């Protein structure tokens, strides 16, 4: 890619500059999702997620990561019927 002013300071970035559009930005959507999860946690557990809460946060994250992997794999398999693994 050429060294145009809009690329300045972005050495090694192989992606083009984003195309602006009318979609709601992902940060706004993500913040709203976090606030909904916080409210759900308070409803379920009586408090938001806090450090030193008596749980092993690393193990909770490992278990949640495994769940996420399974959901991603399941989605991939639904989008690629008949294929066992990505190649």
Protein backbone atom coordinates (compact mmCIF):
# COMPACT_ATOMS: atom_id res chain seq x y z
CA UNK A 1 0.00 0.00 0.00
CA UNK A 2 1.15 3.52 -0.63
CA UNK A 3 2.32 5.85 2.10
CA UNK A 4 -0.65 8.23 1.96
CA UNK A 5 -1.32 10.65 4.85
CA UNK A 6 -4.26 8.57 6.12
CA UNK A 7 -1.90 5.58 6.48
CA UNK A 8 0.68 7.55 8.49
CA UNK A 9 1.46 5.85 11.79
CA UNK A 10 -0.20 2.61 10.72
CA UNK A 11 2.88 0.69 9.57
CA UNK A 12 2.17 -3.00 9.21
CA UNK A 13 -1.60 -2.52 9.02
CA UNK A 14 -2.71 -4.62 6.07
CA UNK A 15 -6.36 -3.66 6.33
CA UNK A 16 -7.88 -0.74 4.43
CA UNK A 17 -9.25 2.22 6.33
CA UNK A 18 -12.80 1.62 7.59
CA UNK A 19 -15.72 2.64 5.40
CA UNK A 20 -18.03 4.93 7.33
CA UNK A 21 -21.71 3.98 7.23
CA UNK A 22 -25.02 4.50 9.03
CA UNK A 23 -24.66 1.48 11.35
CA UNK A 24 -24.56 2.02 15.12
CA UNK A 25 -20.94 1.81 16.23
CA UNK A 26 -19.83 -1.42 17.89
CA UNK A 27 -18.58 0.31 21.04
CA UNK A 28 -22.09 1.66 21.72
CA UNK A 29 -23.60 -1.78 21.15
CA UNK A 30 -20.92 -3.42 23.32
CA UNK A 31 -21.43 -0.96 26.19
CA UNK A 32 -25.20 -1.56 26.08
CA UNK A 33 -24.59 -5.32 26.18
CA UNK A 34 -22.26 -4.95 29.19
CA UNK A 35 -24.83 -2.83 31.03
CA UNK A 36 -27.54 -5.45 30.36
CA UNK A 37 -25.22 -8.24 31.62
CA UNK A 38 -24.43 -6.17 34.73
CA UNK A 39 -28.15 -5.73 35.45
CA UNK A 40 -28.70 -9.47 34.94
CA UNK A 41 -25.84 -10.29 37.32
CA UNK A 42 -27.28 -7.99 39.98
CA UNK A 43 -30.71 -9.61 39.54
CA UNK A 44 -29.29 -13.16 39.73
CA UNK A 45 -26.59 -12.72 42.37
CA UNK A 46 -27.57 -9.54 44.22
CA UNK A 47 -24.40 -7.65 43.22
CA UNK A 48 -22.35 -6.78 40.14
CA UNK A 49 -19.20 -8.76 39.39
CA UNK A 50 -16.56 -7.66 41.89
CA UNK A 51 -13.03 -8.78 42.76
CA UNK A 52 -12.46 -10.86 45.89
CA UNK A 53 -15.97 -12.31 45.66
CA UNK A 54 -14.99 -15.79 46.83
CA UNK A 55 -14.85 -17.29 43.33
CA UNK A 56 -11.86 -18.23 41.20
CA UNK A 57 -12.10 -15.65 38.40
CA UNK A 58 -9.47 -17.37 36.28
CA UNK A 59 -11.33 -20.67 36.38
CA UNK A 60 -14.63 -18.89 35.66
CA UNK A 61 -12.95 -17.34 32.59
CA UNK A 62 -11.58 -20.72 31.47
CA UNK A 63 -15.03 -22.27 31.68
CA UNK A 64 -16.63 -19.32 29.88
CA UNK A 65 -13.93 -19.52 27.18
CA UNK A 66 -14.66 -23.20 26.65
CA UNK A 67 -18.36 -22.38 26.32
CA UNK A 68 -17.54 -19.63 23.81
CA UNK A 69 -15.36 -22.01 21.79
CA UNK A 70 -18.18 -24.55 21.65
CA UNK A 71 -20.69 -21.91 20.50
CA UNK A 72 -18.26 -20.68 17.82
CA UNK A 73 -17.56 -24.22 16.65
CA UNK A 74 -21.26 -25.00 16.58
CA UNK A 75 -21.93 -21.86 14.52
CA UNK A 76 -19.06 -22.72 12.14
CA UNK A 77 -20.43 -26.24 11.67
CA UNK A 78 -23.91 -24.88 10.98
CA UNK A 79 -22.46 -22.59 8.30
CA UNK A 80 -20.30 -25.37 6.81
CA UNK A 81 -22.40 -28.56 6.74
CA UNK A 82 -20.48 -31.74 6.08
CA UNK A 83 -17.10 -30.28 7.07
CA UNK A 84 -15.64 -31.56 10.32
CA UNK A 85 -12.92 -28.96 10.80
CA UNK A 86 -11.88 -25.63 9.31
CA UNK A 87 -9.00 -26.00 6.88
